[in-house]
Amino acid sequence: MKSIDVEKLNNIVQKFAEDRDWNQFHSIKNLSMALSVETSELVEIFQWLKEEDSNSVKDKADLKLKVEEELADIFIYLLRIAVKSEIDIESAVLKKMEKNNLKYPVDKSKGNAKKYTEF
């Protein structure tokens, strides 16, 4: 997987919003709600697919395009929320993965879908 230039993407998204005078609507609350809507649109794509069909997105151009567009929308809103909240998303992910490593030790979690509270 190639690296993501988050600063470049943020500049493009920020300019897009500024050019349209949309920052006035981009409160963290509104962005969070928009993120939820876009996430639901991603879920809707998979809602009635069989398990094997949902796992073959890369092999179906029309399905892949739909997923790609929803993922882009989700990432855009996630990025806007992080920036407006002054949260370093890279640092946040790294810290969260440290916590996840403690919650889900390999010896208890490997091949197991149970939540950490069920071990």
PDB file of N, CA and C in Angstrom:
ATOM      1  N   MET A   1       0.850  -1.179   0.000  1.00  0.00           N
ATOM      2  CA  MET A   1       0.000   0.000   0.000  1.00  0.00           C
ATOM      3  C   MET A   1       0.894   1.240   0.000  1.00  0.00           C
ATOM      4  N   LYS A   2       0.527   2.208  -0.785  1.00  0.00           N
ATOM      5  CA  LYS A   2       1.336   3.421  -0.833  1.00  0.00           C
ATOM      6  C   LYS A   2       1.000   4.357   0.326  1.00  0.00           C
ATOM      7  N   SER A   3       1.917   5.234   0.637  1.00  0.00           N
ATOM      8  CA  SER A   3       1.722   6.204   1.712  1.00  0.00           C
ATOM      9  C   SER A   3       0.673   7.227   1.312  1.00  0.00           C
ATOM     10  N   ILE A   4      -0.031   7.729   2.311  1.00  0.00           N
ATOM     11  CA  ILE A   4      -1.036   8.760   2.091  1.00  0.00           C
ATOM     12  C   ILE A   4      -0.443  10.102   2.488  1.00  0.00           C
ATOM     13  N   ASP A   5      -0.534  11.076   1.596  1.00  0.00           N
ATOM     14  CA  ASP A   5      -0.086  12.428   1.900  1.00  0.00           C
ATOM     15  C   ASP A   5      -1.284  13.179   2.497  1.00  0.00           C
ATOM     16  N   VAL A   6      -1.447  13.050   3.798  1.00  0.00           N
ATOM     17  CA  VAL A   6      -2.609  13.620   4.473  1.00  0.00           C
ATOM     18  C   VAL A   6      -2.624  15.138   4.358  1.00  0.00           C
ATOM     19  N   GLU A   7      -1.458  15.758   4.434  1.00  0.00           N
ATOM     20  CA  GLU A   7      -1.395  17.223   4.316  1.00  0.00           C
ATOM     21  C   GLU A   7      -1.900  17.685   2.952  1.00  0.00           C
ATOM     22  N   LYS A   8      -1.483  16.997   1.906  1.00  0.00           N
ATOM     23  CA  LYS A   8      -1.939  17.332   0.549  1.00  0.00           C
ATOM     24  C   LYS A   8      -3.463  17.187   0.450  1.00  0.00           C
ATOM     25  N   LEU A   9      -3.982  16.067   0.947  1.00  0.00           N
ATOM     26  CA  LEU A   9      -5.426  15.845   0.893  1.00  0.00           C
ATOM     27  C   LEU A   9      -6.171  16.885   1.710  1.00  0.00           C
ATOM     28  N   ASN A  10      -5.657  17.197   2.887  1.00  0.00           N
ATOM     29  CA  ASN A  10      -6.298  18.208   3.722  1.00  0.00           C
ATOM     30  C   ASN A  10      -6.340  19.560   3.019  1.00  0.00           C
ATOM     31  N   ASN A  11      -5.244  19.942   2.360  1.00  0.00           N
ATOM     32  CA  ASN A  11      -5.213  21.221   1.638  1.00  0.00           C
ATOM     33  C   ASN A  11      -6.256  21.259   0.531  1.00  0.00           C
ATOM     34  N   ILE A  12      -6.407  20.162  -0.187  1.00  0.00           N
ATOM     35  CA  ILE A  12      -7.394  20.095  -1.274  1.00  0.00           C
ATOM     36  C   ILE A  12      -8.813  20.189  -0.718  1.00  0.00           C
ATOM     37  N   VAL A  13      -9.085  19.432   0.333  1.00  0.00           N
ATOM     38  CA  VAL A  13     -10.415  19.428   0.944  1.00  0.00           C
ATOM     39  C   VAL A  13     -10.722  20.782   1.565  1.00  0.00           C
ATOM     40  N   GLN A  14      -9.737  21.367   2.245  1.00  0.00           N
ATOM     41  CA  GLN A  14      -9.929  22.680   2.871  1.00  0.00           C
ATOM     42  C   GLN A  14     -10.224  23.749   1.813  1.00  0.00           C
ATOM     43  N   LYS A  15      -9.470  23.745   0.724  1.00  0.00           N
ATOM     44  CA  LYS A  15      -9.701  24.719  -0.350  1.00  0.00           C
ATOM     45  C   LYS A  15     -11.091  24.546  -0.952  1.00  0.00           C
ATOM     46  N   PHE A  16     -11.490  23.307  -1.154  1.00  0.00           N
ATOM     47  CA  PHE A  16     -12.819  23.014  -1.688  1.00  0.00           C
ATOM     48  C   PHE A  16     -13.894  23.644  -0.806  1.00  0.00           C
ATOM     49  N   ALA A  17     -13.775  23.445   0.509  1.00  0.00           N
ATOM     50  CA  ALA A  17     -14.750  23.996   1.448  1.00  0.00           C
ATOM     51  C   ALA A  17     -14.689  25.521   1.484  1.00  0.00           C
ATOM     52  N   GLU A  18     -13.476  26.069   1.491  1.00  0.00           N
ATOM     53  CA  GLU A  18     -13.319  27.529   1.525  1.00  0.00           C
ATOM     54  C   GLU A  18     -13.879  28.180   0.267  1.00  0.00           C
ATOM     55  N   ASP A  19     -13.601  27.606  -0.893  1.00  0.00           N
ATOM     56  CA  ASP A  19     -14.092  28.172  -2.160  1.00  0.00           C
ATOM     57  C   ASP A  19     -15.612  28.254  -2.193  1.00  0.00           C
ATOM     58  N   ARG A  20     -16.271  27.378  -1.474  1.00  0.00           N
ATOM     59  CA  ARG A  20     -17.731  27.333  -1.474  1.00  0.00           C
ATOM     60  C   ARG A  20     -18.338  27.981  -0.224  1.00  0.00           C
ATOM     61  N   ASP A  21     -17.479  28.518   0.633  1.00  0.00           N
ATOM     62  CA  ASP A  21     -17.908  29.124   1.898  1.00  0.00           C
ATOM     63  C   ASP A  21     -18.691  28.118   2.743  1.00  0.00           C
ATOM     64  N   TRP A  22     -18.205  26.887   2.797  1.00  0.00           N
ATOM     65  CA  TRP A  22     -18.878  25.830   3.537  1.00  0.00           C
ATOM     66  C   TRP A  22     -18.332  25.649   4.945  1.00  0.00           C
ATOM     67  N   ASN A  23     -17.229  26.295   5.286  1.00  0.00           N
ATOM     68  CA  ASN A  23     -16.699  26.128   6.636  1.00  0.00           C
ATOM     69  C   ASN A  23     -17.716  26.528   7.698  1.00  0.00           C
ATOM     70  N   GLN A  24     -18.600  27.456   7.353  1.00  0.00           N
ATOM     71  CA  GLN A  24     -19.628  27.883   8.296  1.00  0.00           C
ATOM     72  C   GLN A  24     -20.568  26.730   8.666  1.00  0.00           C
ATOM     73  N   PHE A  25     -20.662  25.726   7.795  1.00  0.00           N
ATOM     74  CA  PHE A  25     -21.536  24.579   8.051  1.00  0.00           C
ATOM     75  C   PHE A  25     -20.777  23.383   8.636  1.00  0.00           C
ATOM     76  N   HIS A  26     -19.455  23.461   8.606  1.00  0.00           N
ATOM     77  CA  HIS A  26     -18.628  22.322   8.995  1.00  0.00           C
ATOM     78  C   HIS A  26     -18.250  22.353  10.476  1.00  0.00           C
ATOM     79  N   SER A  27     -19.267  22.384  11.312  1.00  0.00           N
ATOM     80  CA  SER A  27     -19.009  22.223  12.747  1.00  0.00           C
ATOM     81  C   SER A  27     -18.641  20.760  12.968  1.00  0.00           C
ATOM     82  N   ILE A  28     -17.999  20.499  14.076  1.00  0.00           N
ATOM     83  CA  ILE A  28     -17.637  19.116  14.378  1.00  0.00           C
ATOM     84  C   ILE A  28     -18.898  18.260  14.493  1.00  0.00           C
ATOM     85  N   LYS A  29     -19.952  18.808  15.052  1.00  0.00           N
ATOM     86  CA  LYS A  29     -21.229  18.093  15.165  1.00  0.00           C
ATOM     87  C   LYS A  29     -21.759  17.735  13.780  1.00  0.00           C
ATOM     88  N   ASN A  30     -21.820  18.713  12.891  1.00  0.00           N
ATOM     89  CA  ASN A  30     -22.349  18.459  11.543  1.00  0.00           C
ATOM     90  C   ASN A  30     -21.476  17.482  10.766  1.00  0.00           C
ATOM     91  N   LEU A  31     -20.170  17.631  10.904  1.00  0.00           N
ATOM     92  CA  LEU A  31     -19.261  16.714  10.214  1.00  0.00           C
ATOM     93  C   LEU A  31     -19.416  15.294  10.748  1.00  0.00           C
ATOM     94  N   SER A  32     -19.630  15.160  12.044  1.00  0.00           N
ATOM     95  CA  SER A  32     -19.836  13.836  12.632  1.00  0.00           C
ATOM     96  C   SER A  32     -21.109  13.194  12.101  1.00  0.00           C
ATOM     97  N   MET A  33     -22.152  13.978  11.979  1.00  0.00           N
ATOM     98  CA  MET A  33     -23.398  13.448  11.433  1.00  0.00           C
ATOM     99  C   MET A  33     -23.228  13.065   9.968  1.00  0.00           C
ATOM    100  N   ALA A  34     -22.527  13.890   9.207  1.00  0.00           N
ATOM    101  CA  ALA A  34     -22.278  13.578   7.801  1.00  0.00           C
ATOM    102  C   ALA A  34     -21.440  12.309   7.674  1.00  0.00           C
ATOM    103  N   LEU A  35     -20.466  12.144   8.564  1.00  0.00           N
ATOM    104  CA  LEU A  35     -19.655  10.928   8.578  1.00  0.00           C
ATOM    105  C   LEU A  35     -20.527   9.702   8.814  1.00  0.00           C
ATOM    106  N   SER A  36     -21.461   9.815   9.733  1.00  0.00           N
ATOM    107  CA  SER A  36     -22.371   8.712  10.028  1.00  0.00           C
ATOM    108  C   SER A  36     -23.219   8.350   8.810  1.00  0.00           C
ATOM    109  N   VAL A  37     -23.696   9.353   8.110  1.00  0.00           N
ATOM    110  CA  VAL A  37     -24.497   9.124   6.899  1.00  0.00           C
ATOM    111  C   VAL A  37     -23.668   8.405   5.839  1.00  0.00           C
ATOM    112  N   GLU A  38     -22.444   8.872   5.615  1.00  0.00           N
ATOM    113  CA  GLU A  38     -21.582   8.245   4.604  1.00  0.00           C
ATOM    114  C   GLU A  38     -21.224   6.815   4.991  1.00  0.00           C
ATOM    115  N   THR A  39     -21.010   6.576   6.276  1.00  0.00           N
ATOM    116  CA  THR A  39     -20.726   5.227   6.740  1.00  0.00           C
ATOM    117  C   THR A  39     -21.931   4.319   6.489  1.00  0.00           C
ATOM    118  N   SER A  40     -23.116   4.849   6.720  1.00  0.00           N
ATOM    119  CA  SER A  40     -24.335   4.081   6.437  1.00  0.00           C
ATOM    120  C   SER A  40     -24.465   3.779   4.947  1.00  0.00           C
ATOM    121  N   GLU A  41     -24.043   4.707   4.110  1.00  0.00           N
ATOM    122  CA  GLU A  41     -24.092   4.459   2.664  1.00  0.00           C
ATOM    123  C   GLU A  41     -23.125   3.345   2.265  1.00  0.00           C
ATOM    124  N   LEU A  42     -21.987   3.253   2.942  1.00  0.00           N
ATOM    125  CA  LEU A  42     -21.067   2.143   2.704  1.00  0.00           C
ATOM    126  C   LEU A  42     -21.711   0.827   3.143  1.00  0.00           C
ATOM    127  N   VAL A  43     -22.317   0.834   4.311  1.00  0.00           N
ATOM    128  CA  VAL A  43     -22.990  -0.364   4.817  1.00  0.00           C
ATOM    129  C   VAL A  43     -24.089  -0.805   3.847  1.00  0.00           C
ATOM    130  N   GLU A  44     -24.820   0.157   3.312  1.00  0.00           N
ATOM    131  CA  GLU A  44     -25.921  -0.155   2.394  1.00  0.00           C
ATOM    132  C   GLU A  44     -25.444  -0.927   1.163  1.00  0.00           C
ATOM    133  N   ILE A  45     -24.252  -0.628   0.689  1.00  0.00           N
ATOM    134  CA  ILE A  45     -23.706  -1.343  -0.472  1.00  0.00           C
ATOM    135  C   ILE A  45     -23.627  -2.839  -0.184  1.00  0.00           C
ATOM    136  N   PHE A  46     -23.250  -3.192   1.022  1.00  0.00           N
ATOM    137  CA  PHE A  46     -23.023  -4.593   1.393  1.00  0.00           C
ATOM    138  C   PHE A  46     -24.231  -5.272   2.034  1.00  0.00           C
ATOM    139  N   GLN A  47     -25.257  -4.497   2.320  1.00  0.00           N
ATOM    140  CA  GLN A  47     -26.370  -4.970   3.143  1.00  0.00           C
ATOM    141  C   GLN A  47     -26.916  -6.339   2.745  1.00  0.00           C
ATOM    142  N   TRP A  48     -27.163  -6.566   1.489  1.00  0.00           N
ATOM    143  CA  TRP A  48     -27.800  -7.815   1.078  1.00  0.00           C
ATOM    144  C   TRP A  48     -26.878  -8.724   0.266  1.00  0.00           C
ATOM    145  N   LEU A  49     -25.598  -8.402   0.236  1.00  0.00           N
ATOM    146  CA  LEU A  49     -24.653  -9.256  -0.487  1.00  0.00           C
ATOM    147  C   LEU A  49     -24.332 -10.508   0.315  1.00  0.00           C
ATOM    148  N   LYS A  50     -24.036 -11.567  -0.387  1.00  0.00           N
ATOM    149  CA  LYS A  50     -23.527 -12.765   0.278  1.00  0.00           C
ATOM    150  C   LYS A  50     -22.108 -12.470   0.743  1.00  0.00           C
ATOM    151  N   GLU A  51     -21.675 -13.191   1.765  1.00  0.00           N
ATOM    152  CA  GLU A  51     -20.343 -12.986   2.336  1.00  0.00           C
ATOM    153  C   GLU A  51     -19.256 -13.018   1.264  1.00  0.00           C
ATOM    154  N   GLU A  52     -19.297 -14.021   0.402  1.00  0.00           N
ATOM    155  CA  GLU A  52     -18.253 -14.155  -0.624  1.00  0.00           C
ATOM    156  C   GLU A  52     -18.290 -12.996  -1.624  1.00  0.00           C
ATOM    157  N   ASP A  53     -19.481 -12.478  -1.925  1.00  0.00           N
ATOM    158  CA  ASP A  53     -19.574 -11.327  -2.832  1.00  0.00           C
ATOM    159  C   ASP A  53     -18.994 -10.072  -2.193  1.00  0.00           C
ATOM    160  N   SER A  54     -19.213  -9.919  -0.890  1.00  0.00           N
ATOM    161  CA  SER A  54     -18.684  -8.734  -0.211  1.00  0.00           C
ATOM    162  C   SER A  54     -17.159  -8.768  -0.149  1.00  0.00           C
ATOM    163  N   ASN A  55     -16.585  -9.955  -0.172  1.00  0.00           N
ATOM    164  CA  ASN A  55     -15.129 -10.086  -0.112  1.00  0.00           C
ATOM    165  C   ASN A  55     -14.454 -10.047  -1.477  1.00  0.00           C
ATOM    166  N   SER A  56     -15.235  -9.867  -2.528  1.00  0.00           N
ATOM    167  CA  SER A  56     -14.649  -9.845  -3.871  1.00  0.00           C
ATOM    168  C   SER A  56     -14.805  -8.480  -4.537  1.00  0.00           C
ATOM    169  N   VAL A  57     -14.801  -7.432  -3.730  1.00  0.00           N
ATOM    170  CA  VAL A  57     -14.940  -6.063  -4.245  1.00  0.00           C
ATOM    171  C   VAL A  57     -13.908  -5.772  -5.330  1.00  0.00           C
ATOM    172  N   LYS A  58     -12.671  -6.186  -5.098  1.00  0.00           N
ATOM    173  CA  LYS A  58     -11.582  -5.881  -6.038  1.00  0.00           C
ATOM    174  C   LYS A  58     -11.812  -6.485  -7.416  1.00  0.00           C
ATOM    175  N   ASP A  59     -12.671  -7.504  -7.503  1.00  0.00           N
ATOM    176  CA  ASP A  59     -12.911  -8.202  -8.763  1.00  0.00           C
ATOM    177  C   ASP A  59     -14.125  -7.691  -9.534  1.00  0.00           C
ATOM    178  N   LYS A  60     -14.863  -6.761  -8.947  1.00  0.00           N
ATOM    179  CA  LYS A  60     -16.103  -6.271  -9.571  1.00  0.00           C
ATOM    180  C   LYS A  60     -16.029  -4.755  -9.697  1.00  0.00           C
ATOM    181  N   ALA A  61     -15.751  -4.282 -10.893  1.00  0.00           N
ATOM    182  CA  ALA A  61     -15.474  -2.857 -11.120  1.00  0.00           C
ATOM    183  C   ALA A  61     -16.585  -1.940 -10.622  1.00  0.00           C
ATOM    184  N   ASP A  62     -17.837  -2.280 -10.883  1.00  0.00           N
ATOM    185  CA  ASP A  62     -18.936  -1.400 -10.476  1.00  0.00           C
ATOM    186  C   ASP A  62     -19.067  -1.346  -8.951  1.00  0.00           C
ATOM    187  N   LEU A  63     -18.915  -2.482  -8.308  1.00  0.00           N
ATOM    188  CA  LEU A  63     -18.970  -2.534  -6.846  1.00  0.00           C
ATOM    189  C   LEU A  63     -17.775  -1.806  -6.237  1.00  0.00           C
ATOM    190  N   LYS A  64     -16.613  -2.021  -6.811  1.00  0.00           N
ATOM    191  CA  LYS A  64     -15.404  -1.377  -6.314  1.00  0.00           C
ATOM    192  C   LYS A  64     -15.526   0.149  -6.400  1.00  0.00           C
ATOM    193  N   LEU A  65     -16.079   0.663  -7.485  1.00  0.00           N
ATOM    194  CA  LEU A  65     -16.254   2.109  -7.645  1.00  0.00           C
ATOM    195  C   LEU A  65     -17.186   2.671  -6.569  1.00  0.00           C
ATOM    196  N   LYS A  66     -18.281   1.974  -6.296  1.00  0.00           N
ATOM    197  CA  LYS A  66     -19.204   2.435  -5.249  1.00  0.00           C
ATOM    198  C   LYS A  66     -18.509   2.480  -3.888  1.00  0.00           C
ATOM    199  N   VAL A  67     -17.773   1.425  -3.571  1.00  0.00           N
ATOM    200  CA  VAL A  67     -17.059   1.359  -2.296  1.00  0.00           C
ATOM    201  C   VAL A  67     -16.003   2.456  -2.234  1.00  0.00           C
ATOM    202  N   GLU A  68     -15.273   2.636  -3.328  1.00  0.00           N
ATOM    203  CA  GLU A  68     -14.231   3.672  -3.398  1.00  0.00           C
ATOM    204  C   GLU A  68     -14.808   5.054  -3.107  1.00  0.00           C
ATOM    205  N   GLU A  69     -15.954   5.366  -3.704  1.00  0.00           N
ATOM    206  CA  GLU A  69     -16.553   6.684  -3.510  1.00  0.00           C
ATOM    207  C   GLU A  69     -17.010   6.889  -2.065  1.00  0.00           C
ATOM    208  N   GLU A  70     -17.598   5.864  -1.467  1.00  0.00           N
ATOM    209  CA  GLU A  70     -18.037   5.998  -0.073  1.00  0.00           C
ATOM    210  C   GLU A  70     -16.848   6.087   0.873  1.00  0.00           C
ATOM    211  N   LEU A  71     -15.808   5.305   0.612  1.00  0.00           N
ATOM    212  CA  LEU A  71     -14.601   5.404   1.447  1.00  0.00           C
ATOM    213  C   LEU A  71     -13.982   6.791   1.356  1.00  0.00           C
ATOM    214  N   ALA A  72     -13.989   7.367   0.159  1.00  0.00           N
ATOM    215  CA  ALA A  72     -13.458   8.725  -0.009  1.00  0.00           C
ATOM    216  C   ALA A  72     -14.278   9.725   0.803  1.00  0.00           C
ATOM    217  N   ASP A  73     -15.604   9.627   0.728  1.00  0.00           N
ATOM    218  CA  ASP A  73     -16.459  10.524   1.509  1.00  0.00           C
ATOM    219  C   ASP A  73     -16.192  10.369   3.004  1.00  0.00           C
ATOM    220  N   ILE A  74     -16.079   9.125   3.459  1.00  0.00           N
ATOM    221  CA  ILE A  74     -15.811   8.851   4.871  1.00  0.00           C
ATOM    222  C   ILE A  74     -14.475   9.458   5.283  1.00  0.00           C
ATOM    223  N   PHE A  75     -13.458   9.254   4.464  1.00  0.00           N
ATOM    224  CA  PHE A  75     -12.139   9.779   4.790  1.00  0.00           C
ATOM    225  C   PHE A  75     -12.143  11.307   4.826  1.00  0.00           C
ATOM    226  N   ILE A  76     -12.838  11.931   3.902  1.00  0.00           N
ATOM    227  CA  ILE A  76     -12.913  13.398   3.861  1.00  0.00           C
ATOM    228  C   ILE A  76     -13.523  13.928   5.154  1.00  0.00           C
ATOM    229  N   TYR A  77     -14.648  13.366   5.570  1.00  0.00           N
ATOM    230  CA  TYR A  77     -15.283  13.838   6.802  1.00  0.00           C
ATOM    231  C   TYR A  77     -14.429  13.521   8.020  1.00  0.00           C
ATOM    232  N   LEU A  78     -13.818  12.358   8.045  1.00  0.00           N
ATOM    233  CA  LEU A  78     -12.936  11.995   9.153  1.00  0.00           C
ATOM    234  C   LEU A  78     -11.766  12.977   9.250  1.00  0.00           C
ATOM    235  N   LEU A  79     -11.191  13.311   8.112  1.00  0.00           N
ATOM    236  CA  LEU A  79     -10.090  14.265   8.064  1.00  0.00           C
ATOM    237  C   LEU A  79     -10.537  15.641   8.566  1.00  0.00           C
ATOM    238  N   ARG A  80     -11.702  16.087   8.133  1.00  0.00           N
ATOM    239  CA  ARG A  80     -12.209  17.401   8.562  1.00  0.00           C
ATOM    240  C   ARG A  80     -12.428  17.429  10.082  1.00  0.00           C
ATOM    241  N   ILE A  81     -12.979  16.344  10.618  1.00  0.00           N
ATOM    242  CA  ILE A  81     -13.207  16.277  12.062  1.00  0.00           C
ATOM    243  C   ILE A  81     -11.879  16.320  12.808  1.00  0.00           C
ATOM    244  N   ALA A  82     -10.908  15.570  12.352  1.00  0.00           N
ATOM    245  CA  ALA A  82      -9.594  15.542  12.999  1.00  0.00           C
ATOM    246  C   ALA A  82      -8.949  16.925  12.980  1.00  0.00           C
ATOM    247  N   VAL A  83      -8.982  17.582  11.840  1.00  0.00           N
ATOM    248  CA  VAL A  83      -8.361  18.907  11.709  1.00  0.00           C
ATOM    249  C   VAL A  83      -9.070  19.917  12.595  1.00  0.00           C
ATOM    250  N   LYS A  84     -10.386  19.939  12.552  1.00  0.00           N
ATOM    251  CA  LYS A  84     -11.131  20.910  13.353  1.00  0.00           C
ATOM    252  C   LYS A  84     -11.014  20.623  14.847  1.00  0.00           C
ATOM    253  N   SER A  85     -10.739  19.381  15.208  1.00  0.00           N
ATOM    254  CA  SER A  85     -10.560  19.005  16.610  1.00  0.00           C
ATOM    255  C   SER A  85      -9.104  19.110  17.047  1.00  0.00           C
ATOM    256  N   GLU A  86      -8.233  19.450  16.088  1.00  0.00           N
ATOM    257  CA  GLU A  86      -6.789  19.512  16.327  1.00  0.00           C
ATOM    258  C   GLU A  86      -6.264  18.181  16.877  1.00  0.00           C
ATOM    259  N   ILE A  87      -6.686  17.100  16.214  1.00  0.00           N
ATOM    260  CA  ILE A  87      -6.243  15.754  16.564  1.00  0.00           C
ATOM    261  C   ILE A  87      -5.325  15.252  15.462  1.00  0.00           C
ATOM    262  N   ASP A  88      -4.147  14.836  15.863  1.00  0.00           N
ATOM    263  CA  ASP A  88      -3.190  14.237  14.935  1.00  0.00           C
ATOM    264  C   ASP A  88      -3.633  12.789  14.721  1.00  0.00           C
ATOM    265  N   ILE A  89      -4.227  12.529  13.573  1.00  0.00           N
ATOM    266  CA  ILE A  89      -4.837  11.223  13.330  1.00  0.00           C
ATOM    267  C   ILE A  89      -3.805  10.095  13.349  1.00  0.00           C
ATOM    268  N   GLU A  90      -2.606  10.352  12.854  1.00  0.00           N
ATOM    269  CA  GLU A  90      -1.564   9.323  12.878  1.00  0.00           C
ATOM    270  C   GLU A  90      -1.221   8.948  14.317  1.00  0.00           C
ATOM    271  N   SER A  91      -1.005   9.944  15.141  1.00  0.00           N
ATOM    272  CA  SER A  91      -0.691   9.711  16.543  1.00  0.00           C
ATOM    273  C   SER A  91      -1.852   9.004  17.247  1.00  0.00           C
ATOM    274  N   ALA A  92      -3.065   9.417  16.948  1.00  0.00           N
ATOM    275  CA  ALA A  92      -4.246   8.814  17.563  1.00  0.00           C
ATOM    276  C   ALA A  92      -4.355   7.332  17.207  1.00  0.00           C
ATOM    277  N   VAL A  93      -4.094   6.996  15.958  1.00  0.00           N
ATOM    278  CA  VAL A  93      -4.153   5.592  15.529  1.00  0.00           C
ATOM    279  C   VAL A  93      -3.066   4.776  16.226  1.00  0.00           C
ATOM    280  N   LEU A  94      -1.864   5.328  16.295  1.00  0.00           N
ATOM    281  CA  LEU A  94      -0.770   4.609  16.946  1.00  0.00           C
ATOM    282  C   LEU A  94      -1.069   4.360  18.428  1.00  0.00           C
ATOM    283  N   LYS A  95      -1.606   5.375  19.117  1.00  0.00           N
ATOM    284  CA  LYS A  95      -1.957   5.205  20.529  1.00  0.00           C
ATOM    285  C   LYS A  95      -3.073   4.165  20.692  1.00  0.00           C
ATOM    286  N   LYS A  96      -4.048   4.221  19.808  1.00  0.00           N
ATOM    287  CA  LYS A  96      -5.164   3.278  19.884  1.00  0.00           C
ATOM    288  C   LYS A  96      -4.695   1.851  19.628  1.00  0.00           C
ATOM    289  N   MET A  97      -3.764   1.670  18.706  1.00  0.00           N
ATOM    290  CA  MET A  97      -3.244   0.331  18.434  1.00  0.00           C
ATOM    291  C   MET A  97      -2.465  -0.211  19.638  1.00  0.00           C
ATOM    292  N   GLU A  98      -1.784   0.665  20.361  1.00  0.00           N
ATOM    293  CA  GLU A  98      -1.111   0.239  21.592  1.00  0.00           C
ATOM    294  C   GLU A  98      -2.135  -0.288  22.595  1.00  0.00           C
ATOM    295  N   LYS A  99      -3.248   0.443  22.751  1.00  0.00           N
ATOM    296  CA  LYS A  99      -4.313   0.008  23.655  1.00  0.00           C
ATOM    297  C   LYS A  99      -4.922  -1.310  23.173  1.00  0.00           C
ATOM    298  N   ASN A 100      -5.132  -1.420  21.847  1.00  0.00           N
ATOM    299  CA  ASN A 100      -5.712  -2.646  21.295  1.00  0.00           C
ATOM    300  C   ASN A 100      -4.805  -3.844  21.525  1.00  0.00           C
ATOM    301  N   ASN A 101      -3.485  -3.621  21.422  1.00  0.00           N
ATOM    302  CA  ASN A 101      -2.539  -4.702  21.686  1.00  0.00           C
ATOM    303  C   ASN A 101      -2.668  -5.223  23.115  1.00  0.00           C
ATOM    304  N   LEU A 102      -2.935  -4.318  24.046  1.00  0.00           N
ATOM    305  CA  LEU A 102      -3.119  -4.736  25.435  1.00  0.00           C
ATOM    306  C   LEU A 102      -4.469  -5.435  25.636  1.00  0.00           C
ATOM    307  N   LYS A 103      -5.502  -4.932  24.989  1.00  0.00           N
ATOM    308  CA  LYS A 103      -6.843  -5.514  25.113  1.00  0.00           C
ATOM    309  C   LYS A 103      -6.943  -6.881  24.450  1.00  0.00           C
ATOM    310  N   TYR A 104      -6.250  -7.023  23.336  1.00  0.00           N
ATOM    311  CA  TYR A 104      -6.357  -8.232  22.530  1.00  0.00           C
ATOM    312  C   TYR A 104      -4.997  -8.905  22.370  1.00  0.00           C
ATOM    313  N   PRO A 105      -4.475  -9.506  23.444  1.00  0.00           N
ATOM    314  CA  PRO A 105      -3.182 -10.185  23.319  1.00  0.00           C
ATOM    315  C   PRO A 105      -3.297 -11.355  22.339  1.00  0.00           C
ATOM    316  N   VAL A 106      -2.231 -11.598  21.602  1.00  0.00           N
ATOM    317  CA  VAL A 106      -2.228 -12.620  20.565  1.00  0.00           C
ATOM    318  C   VAL A 106      -2.634 -13.983  21.130  1.00  0.00           C
ATOM    319  N   ASP A 107      -2.127 -14.330  22.285  1.00  0.00           N
ATOM    320  CA  ASP A 107      -2.406 -15.667  22.833  1.00  0.00           C
ATOM    321  C   ASP A 107      -3.883 -15.889  23.137  1.00  0.00           C
ATOM    322  N   LYS A 108      -4.641 -14.828  23.366  1.00  0.00           N
ATOM    323  CA  LYS A 108      -6.078 -14.967  23.636  1.00  0.00           C
ATOM    324  C   LYS A 108      -6.939 -14.629  22.422  1.00  0.00           C
ATOM    325  N   SER A 109      -6.401 -13.856  21.509  1.00  0.00           N
ATOM    326  CA  SER A 109      -7.207 -13.317  20.420  1.00  0.00           C
ATOM    327  C   SER A 109      -7.037 -14.020  19.080  1.00  0.00           C
ATOM    328  N   LYS A 110      -5.932 -14.676  18.881  1.00  0.00           N
ATOM    329  CA  LYS A 110      -5.641 -15.261  17.569  1.00  0.00           C
ATOM    330  C   LYS A 110      -6.733 -16.245  17.156  1.00  0.00           C
ATOM    331  N   GLY A 111      -7.353 -15.955  16.020  1.00  0.00           N
ATOM    332  CA  GLY A 111      -8.409 -16.810  15.491  1.00  0.00           C
ATOM    333  C   GLY A 111      -9.704 -16.748  16.271  1.00  0.00           C
ATOM    334  N   ASN A 112      -9.843 -15.765  17.142  1.00  0.00           N
ATOM    335  CA  ASN A 112     -10.993 -15.651  18.031  1.00  0.00           C
ATOM    336  C   ASN A 112     -11.670 -14.299  17.795  1.00  0.00           C
ATOM    337  N   ALA A 113     -12.953 -14.297  17.521  1.00  0.00           N
ATOM    338  CA  ALA A 113     -13.673 -13.056  17.242  1.00  0.00           C
ATOM    339  C   ALA A 113     -14.343 -12.464  18.476  1.00  0.00           C
ATOM    340  N   LYS A 114     -14.108 -13.050  19.646  1.00  0.00           N
ATOM    341  CA  LYS A 114     -14.742 -12.542  20.868  1.00  0.00           C
ATOM    342  C   LYS A 114     -14.170 -11.186  21.268  1.00  0.00           C
ATOM    343  N   LYS A 115     -15.034 -10.385  21.871  1.00  0.00           N
ATOM    344  CA  LYS A 115     -14.602  -9.106  22.419  1.00  0.00           C
ATOM    345  C   LYS A 115     -13.722  -9.357  23.637  1.00  0.00           C
ATOM    346  N   TYR A 116     -12.817  -8.429  23.932  1.00  0.00           N
ATOM    347  CA  TYR A 116     -11.858  -8.612  25.031  1.00  0.00           C
ATOM    348  C   TYR A 116     -12.553  -8.857  26.368  1.00  0.00           C
ATOM    349  N   THR A 117     -13.775  -8.382  26.541  1.00  0.00           N
ATOM    350  CA  THR A 117     -14.486  -8.587  27.800  1.00  0.00           C
ATOM    351  C   THR A 117     -15.027 -10.016  27.917  1.00  0.00           C
ATOM    352  N   GLU A 118     -14.927 -10.790  26.835  1.00  0.00           N
ATOM    353  CA  GLU A 118     -15.470 -12.154  26.836  1.00  0.00           C
ATOM    354  C   GLU A 118     -14.377 -13.217  26.985  1.00  0.00           C
ATOM    355  N   PHE A 119     -13.116 -12.817  27.123  1.00  0.00           N
ATOM    356  CA  PHE A 119     -12.031 -13.801  27.255  1.00  0.00           C
ATOM    357  C   PHE A 119     -12.162 -14.548  28.560  1.00  0.00           C
TER     358      PHE A 119
END
